[in-house]
Amino acid sequence: MFMNSVIDLTAYLPEQPAPRRRKRKFGSIAAAVETVVTLLMGIGFLLALTAFLLAL
């Protein structure tokens, strides 16, 4: 019964176009380096947080 109602509700949803996938293009080497540094800082923060929580 539940699946029938879900299938019936999908018939009333407006049809939406498929989302466009944006290709990320770096304008320069500096943008790529900035992204890598940001990711490394995030990973470092998570490792430090994990070490702190394990030390408790």
PDB file of N, CA and C in Angstrom:
ATOM      1  N   MET A   1       0.832  -1.188   0.000  1.00  0.00           N
ATOM      2  CA  MET A   1       0.000   0.000   0.000  1.00  0.00           C
ATOM      3  C   MET A   1       0.879   1.254   0.000  1.00  0.00           C
ATOM      4  N   PHE A   2       1.915   1.262   0.846  1.00  0.00           N
ATOM      5  CA  PHE A   2       2.764   2.451   0.922  1.00  0.00           C
ATOM      6  C   PHE A   2       3.447   2.718  -0.408  1.00  0.00           C
ATOM      7  N   MET A   3       3.977   1.679  -1.039  1.00  0.00           N
ATOM      8  CA  MET A   3       4.689   1.863  -2.302  1.00  0.00           C
ATOM      9  C   MET A   3       3.750   2.380  -3.392  1.00  0.00           C
ATOM     10  N   ASN A   4       2.506   1.933  -3.380  1.00  0.00           N
ATOM     11  CA  ASN A   4       1.556   2.422  -4.381  1.00  0.00           C
ATOM     12  C   ASN A   4       1.325   3.917  -4.221  1.00  0.00           C
ATOM     13  N   SER A   5       1.235   4.381  -2.985  1.00  0.00           N
ATOM     14  CA  SER A   5       1.007   5.812  -2.776  1.00  0.00           C
ATOM     15  C   SER A   5       2.234   6.617  -3.161  1.00  0.00           C
ATOM     16  N   VAL A   6       3.430   6.090  -2.931  1.00  0.00           N
ATOM     17  CA  VAL A   6       4.650   6.790  -3.325  1.00  0.00           C
ATOM     18  C   VAL A   6       4.727   6.870  -4.839  1.00  0.00           C
ATOM     19  N   ILE A   7       4.416   5.787  -5.504  1.00  0.00           N
ATOM     20  CA  ILE A   7       4.450   5.782  -6.967  1.00  0.00           C
ATOM     21  C   ILE A   7       3.404   6.735  -7.509  1.00  0.00           C
ATOM     22  N   ASP A   8       2.229   6.760  -6.908  1.00  0.00           N
ATOM     23  CA  ASP A   8       1.183   7.662  -7.371  1.00  0.00           C
ATOM     24  C   ASP A   8       1.568   9.121  -7.176  1.00  0.00           C
ATOM     25  N   LEU A   9       2.256   9.439  -6.069  1.00  0.00           N
ATOM     26  CA  LEU A   9       2.655  10.821  -5.822  1.00  0.00           C
ATOM     27  C   LEU A   9       3.695  11.297  -6.819  1.00  0.00           C
ATOM     28  N   THR A  10       4.535  10.395  -7.289  1.00  0.00           N
ATOM     29  CA  THR A  10       5.567  10.813  -8.232  1.00  0.00           C
ATOM     30  C   THR A  10       4.972  11.253  -9.553  1.00  0.00           C
ATOM     31  N   ALA A  11       3.767  10.825  -9.866  1.00  0.00           N
ATOM     32  CA  ALA A  11       3.136  11.230 -11.122  1.00  0.00           C
ATOM     33  C   ALA A  11       2.775  12.712 -11.100  1.00  0.00           C
ATOM     34  N   TYR A  12       2.619  13.308  -9.928  1.00  0.00           N
ATOM     35  CA  TYR A  12       2.209  14.709  -9.818  1.00  0.00           C
ATOM     36  C   TYR A  12       3.376  15.672  -9.678  1.00  0.00           C
ATOM     37  N   LEU A  13       4.587  15.149  -9.552  1.00  0.00           N
ATOM     38  CA  LEU A  13       5.740  16.025  -9.427  1.00  0.00           C
ATOM     39  C   LEU A  13       6.079  16.638 -10.775  1.00  0.00           C
ATOM     40  N   PRO A  14       6.454  17.913 -10.794  1.00  0.00           N
ATOM     41  CA  PRO A  14       6.843  18.513 -12.067  1.00  0.00           C
ATOM     42  C   PRO A  14       8.157  17.918 -12.557  1.00  0.00           C
ATOM     43  N   GLU A  15       8.248  17.746 -13.843  1.00  0.00           N
ATOM     44  CA  GLU A  15       9.471  17.173 -14.398  1.00  0.00           C
ATOM     45  C   GLU A  15      10.546  18.238 -14.411  1.00  0.00           C
ATOM     46  N   GLN A  16      11.680  17.909 -13.842  1.00  0.00           N
ATOM     47  CA  GLN A  16      12.773  18.867 -13.751  1.00  0.00           C
ATOM     48  C   GLN A  16      13.911  18.414 -14.648  1.00  0.00           C
ATOM     49  N   PRO A  17      14.584  19.368 -15.260  1.00  0.00           N
ATOM     50  CA  PRO A  17      15.718  18.977 -16.097  1.00  0.00           C
ATOM     51  C   PRO A  17      16.859  18.436 -15.245  1.00  0.00           C
ATOM     52  N   ALA A  18      17.678  17.623 -15.855  1.00  0.00           N
ATOM     53  CA  ALA A  18      18.820  17.052 -15.140  1.00  0.00           C
ATOM     54  C   ALA A  18      19.762  18.169 -14.712  1.00  0.00           C
ATOM     55  N   PRO A  19      20.324  18.090 -13.499  1.00  0.00           N
ATOM     56  CA  PRO A  19      21.234  19.153 -13.054  1.00  0.00           C
ATOM     57  C   PRO A  19      22.488  19.178 -13.916  1.00  0.00           C
ATOM     58  N   ARG A  20      22.935  20.352 -14.193  1.00  0.00           N
ATOM     59  CA  ARG A  20      24.155  20.507 -14.974  1.00  0.00           C
ATOM     60  C   ARG A  20      25.358  20.307 -14.072  1.00  0.00           C
ATOM     61  N   ARG A  21      26.288  19.547 -14.544  1.00  0.00           N
ATOM     62  CA  ARG A  21      27.515  19.343 -13.773  1.00  0.00           C
ATOM     63  C   ARG A  21      28.535  20.368 -14.229  1.00  0.00           C
ATOM     64  N   ARG A  22      28.972  21.139 -13.261  1.00  0.00           N
ATOM     65  CA  ARG A  22      29.985  22.147 -13.582  1.00  0.00           C
ATOM     66  C   ARG A  22      31.359  21.521 -13.481  1.00  0.00           C
ATOM     67  N   LYS A  23      32.120  21.702 -14.497  1.00  0.00           N
ATOM     68  CA  LYS A  23      33.503  21.254 -14.441  1.00  0.00           C
ATOM     69  C   LYS A  23      34.317  22.351 -13.792  1.00  0.00           C
ATOM     70  N   ARG A  24      35.039  21.960 -12.770  1.00  0.00           N
ATOM     71  CA  ARG A  24      35.832  22.949 -12.052  1.00  0.00           C
ATOM     72  C   ARG A  24      37.145  23.145 -12.786  1.00  0.00           C
ATOM     73  N   LYS A  25      37.334  24.333 -13.238  1.00  0.00           N
ATOM     74  CA  LYS A  25      38.567  24.649 -13.942  1.00  0.00           C
ATOM     75  C   LYS A  25      39.343  25.662 -13.123  1.00  0.00           C
ATOM     76  N   PHE A  26      40.577  25.357 -12.877  1.00  0.00           N
ATOM     77  CA  PHE A  26      41.409  26.287 -12.133  1.00  0.00           C
ATOM     78  C   PHE A  26      41.896  27.357 -13.091  1.00  0.00           C
ATOM     79  N   GLY A  27      41.728  28.603 -12.680  1.00  0.00           N
ATOM     80  CA  GLY A  27      42.170  29.703 -13.515  1.00  0.00           C
ATOM     81  C   GLY A  27      43.679  29.806 -13.557  1.00  0.00           C
ATOM     82  N   SER A  28      44.304  29.327 -12.514  1.00  0.00           N
ATOM     83  CA  SER A  28      45.757  29.425 -12.470  1.00  0.00           C
ATOM     84  C   SER A  28      46.302  28.381 -11.504  1.00  0.00           C
ATOM     85  N   ILE A  29      47.581  28.297 -11.479  1.00  0.00           N
ATOM     86  CA  ILE A  29      48.244  27.370 -10.551  1.00  0.00           C
ATOM     87  C   ILE A  29      47.981  27.797  -9.115  1.00  0.00           C
ATOM     88  N   ALA A  30      47.875  29.102  -8.891  1.00  0.00           N
ATOM     89  CA  ALA A  30      47.651  29.604  -7.535  1.00  0.00           C
ATOM     90  C   ALA A  30      46.328  29.095  -6.970  1.00  0.00           C
ATOM     91  N   ALA A  31      45.301  29.017  -7.798  1.00  0.00           N
ATOM     92  CA  ALA A  31      44.014  28.521  -7.327  1.00  0.00           C
ATOM     93  C   ALA A  31      44.107  27.046  -6.953  1.00  0.00           C
ATOM     94  N   ALA A  32      44.857  26.271  -7.736  1.00  0.00           N
ATOM     95  CA  ALA A  32      45.027  24.853  -7.426  1.00  0.00           C
ATOM     96  C   ALA A  32      45.805  24.674  -6.128  1.00  0.00           C
ATOM     97  N   VAL A  33      46.859  25.453  -5.952  1.00  0.00           N
ATOM     98  CA  VAL A  33      47.654  25.368  -4.726  1.00  0.00           C
ATOM     99  C   VAL A  33      46.814  25.779  -3.527  1.00  0.00           C
ATOM    100  N   GLU A  34      46.002  26.798  -3.688  1.00  0.00           N
ATOM    101  CA  GLU A  34      45.135  27.241  -2.598  1.00  0.00           C
ATOM    102  C   GLU A  34      44.162  26.138  -2.196  1.00  0.00           C
ATOM    103  N   THR A  35      43.620  25.436  -3.161  1.00  0.00           N
ATOM    104  CA  THR A  35      42.701  24.346  -2.865  1.00  0.00           C
ATOM    105  C   THR A  35      43.408  23.209  -2.135  1.00  0.00           C
ATOM    106  N   VAL A  36      44.597  22.858  -2.583  1.00  0.00           N
ATOM    107  CA  VAL A  36      45.355  21.775  -1.940  1.00  0.00           C
ATOM    108  C   VAL A  36      45.721  22.153  -0.514  1.00  0.00           C
ATOM    109  N   VAL A  37      46.150  23.385  -0.300  1.00  0.00           N
ATOM    110  CA  VAL A  37      46.517  23.832   1.042  1.00  0.00           C
ATOM    111  C   VAL A  37      45.294  23.810   1.960  1.00  0.00           C
ATOM    112  N   THR A  38      44.153  24.227   1.450  1.00  0.00           N
ATOM    113  CA  THR A  38      42.929  24.216   2.249  1.00  0.00           C
ATOM    114  C   THR A  38      42.557  22.795   2.636  1.00  0.00           C
ATOM    115  N   LEU A  39      42.647  21.873   1.691  1.00  0.00           N
ATOM    116  CA  LEU A  39      42.340  20.475   2.002  1.00  0.00           C
ATOM    117  C   LEU A  39      43.308  19.905   3.034  1.00  0.00           C
ATOM    118  N   LEU A  40      44.578  20.211   2.892  1.00  0.00           N
ATOM    119  CA  LEU A  40      45.564  19.711   3.857  1.00  0.00           C
ATOM    120  C   LEU A  40      45.334  20.288   5.246  1.00  0.00           C
ATOM    121  N   MET A  41      44.949  21.555   5.309  1.00  0.00           N
ATOM    122  CA  MET A  41      44.661  22.161   6.613  1.00  0.00           C
ATOM    123  C   MET A  41      43.436  21.505   7.245  1.00  0.00           C
ATOM    124  N   GLY A  42      42.442  21.209   6.442  1.00  0.00           N
ATOM    125  CA  GLY A  42      41.252  20.535   6.957  1.00  0.00           C
ATOM    126  C   GLY A  42      41.574  19.151   7.474  1.00  0.00           C
ATOM    127  N   ILE A  43      42.385  18.416   6.725  1.00  0.00           N
ATOM    128  CA  ILE A  43      42.786  17.076   7.157  1.00  0.00           C
ATOM    129  C   ILE A  43      43.621  17.159   8.434  1.00  0.00           C
ATOM    130  N   GLY A  44      44.520  18.131   8.501  1.00  0.00           N
ATOM    131  CA  GLY A  44      45.323  18.311   9.699  1.00  0.00           C
ATOM    132  C   GLY A  44      44.474  18.638  10.915  1.00  0.00           C
ATOM    133  N   PHE A  45      43.471  19.478  10.727  1.00  0.00           N
ATOM    134  CA  PHE A  45      42.565  19.815  11.827  1.00  0.00           C
ATOM    135  C   PHE A  45      41.819  18.577  12.306  1.00  0.00           C
ATOM    136  N   LEU A  46      41.339  17.770  11.374  1.00  0.00           N
ATOM    137  CA  LEU A  46      40.617  16.562  11.764  1.00  0.00           C
ATOM    138  C   LEU A  46      41.526  15.569  12.476  1.00  0.00           C
ATOM    139  N   LEU A  47      42.757  15.448  12.036  1.00  0.00           N
ATOM    140  CA  LEU A  47      43.713  14.568  12.728  1.00  0.00           C
ATOM    141  C   LEU A  47      44.022  15.072  14.126  1.00  0.00           C
ATOM    142  N   ALA A  48      44.191  16.374  14.271  1.00  0.00           N
ATOM    143  CA  ALA A  48      44.450  16.944  15.598  1.00  0.00           C
ATOM    144  C   ALA A  48      43.245  16.744  16.523  1.00  0.00           C
ATOM    145  N   LEU A  49      42.073  16.915  15.993  1.00  0.00           N
ATOM    146  CA  LEU A  49      40.854  16.715  16.786  1.00  0.00           C
ATOM    147  C   LEU A  49      40.737  15.257  17.201  1.00  0.00           C
ATOM    148  N   THR A  50      41.027  14.358  16.287  1.00  0.00           N
ATOM    149  CA  THR A  50      40.972  12.926  16.613  1.00  0.00           C
ATOM    150  C   THR A  50      41.983  12.570  17.695  1.00  0.00           C
ATOM    151  N   ALA A  51      43.193  13.082  17.581  1.00  0.00           N
ATOM    152  CA  ALA A  51      44.216  12.815  18.594  1.00  0.00           C
ATOM    153  C   ALA A  51      43.804  13.364  19.942  1.00  0.00           C
ATOM    154  N   PHE A  52      43.229  14.550  19.963  1.00  0.00           N
ATOM    155  CA  PHE A  52      42.773  15.159  21.215  1.00  0.00           C
ATOM    156  C   PHE A  52      41.680  14.322  21.859  1.00  0.00           C
ATOM    157  N   LEU A  53      40.724  13.895  21.051  1.00  0.00           N
ATOM    158  CA  LEU A  53      39.616  13.115  21.610  1.00  0.00           C
ATOM    159  C   LEU A  53      40.070  11.739  22.074  1.00  0.00           C
ATOM    160  N   LEU A  54      41.048  11.168  21.398  1.00  0.00           N
ATOM    161  CA  LEU A  54      41.574   9.867  21.838  1.00  0.00           C
ATOM    162  C   LEU A  54      42.395  10.004  23.126  1.00  0.00           C
ATOM    163  N   ALA A  55      42.986  11.177  23.351  1.00  0.00           N
ATOM    164  CA  ALA A  55      43.796  11.383  24.543  1.00  0.00           C
ATOM    165  C   ALA A  55      42.936  11.562  25.790  1.00  0.00           C
ATOM    166  N   LEU A  56      41.670  11.879  25.619  1.00  0.00           N
ATOM    167  CA  LEU A  56      40.808  12.079  26.793  1.00  0.00           C
ATOM    168  C   LEU A  56      40.523  10.814  27.537  1.00  0.00           C
TER     169      LEU A  56
END
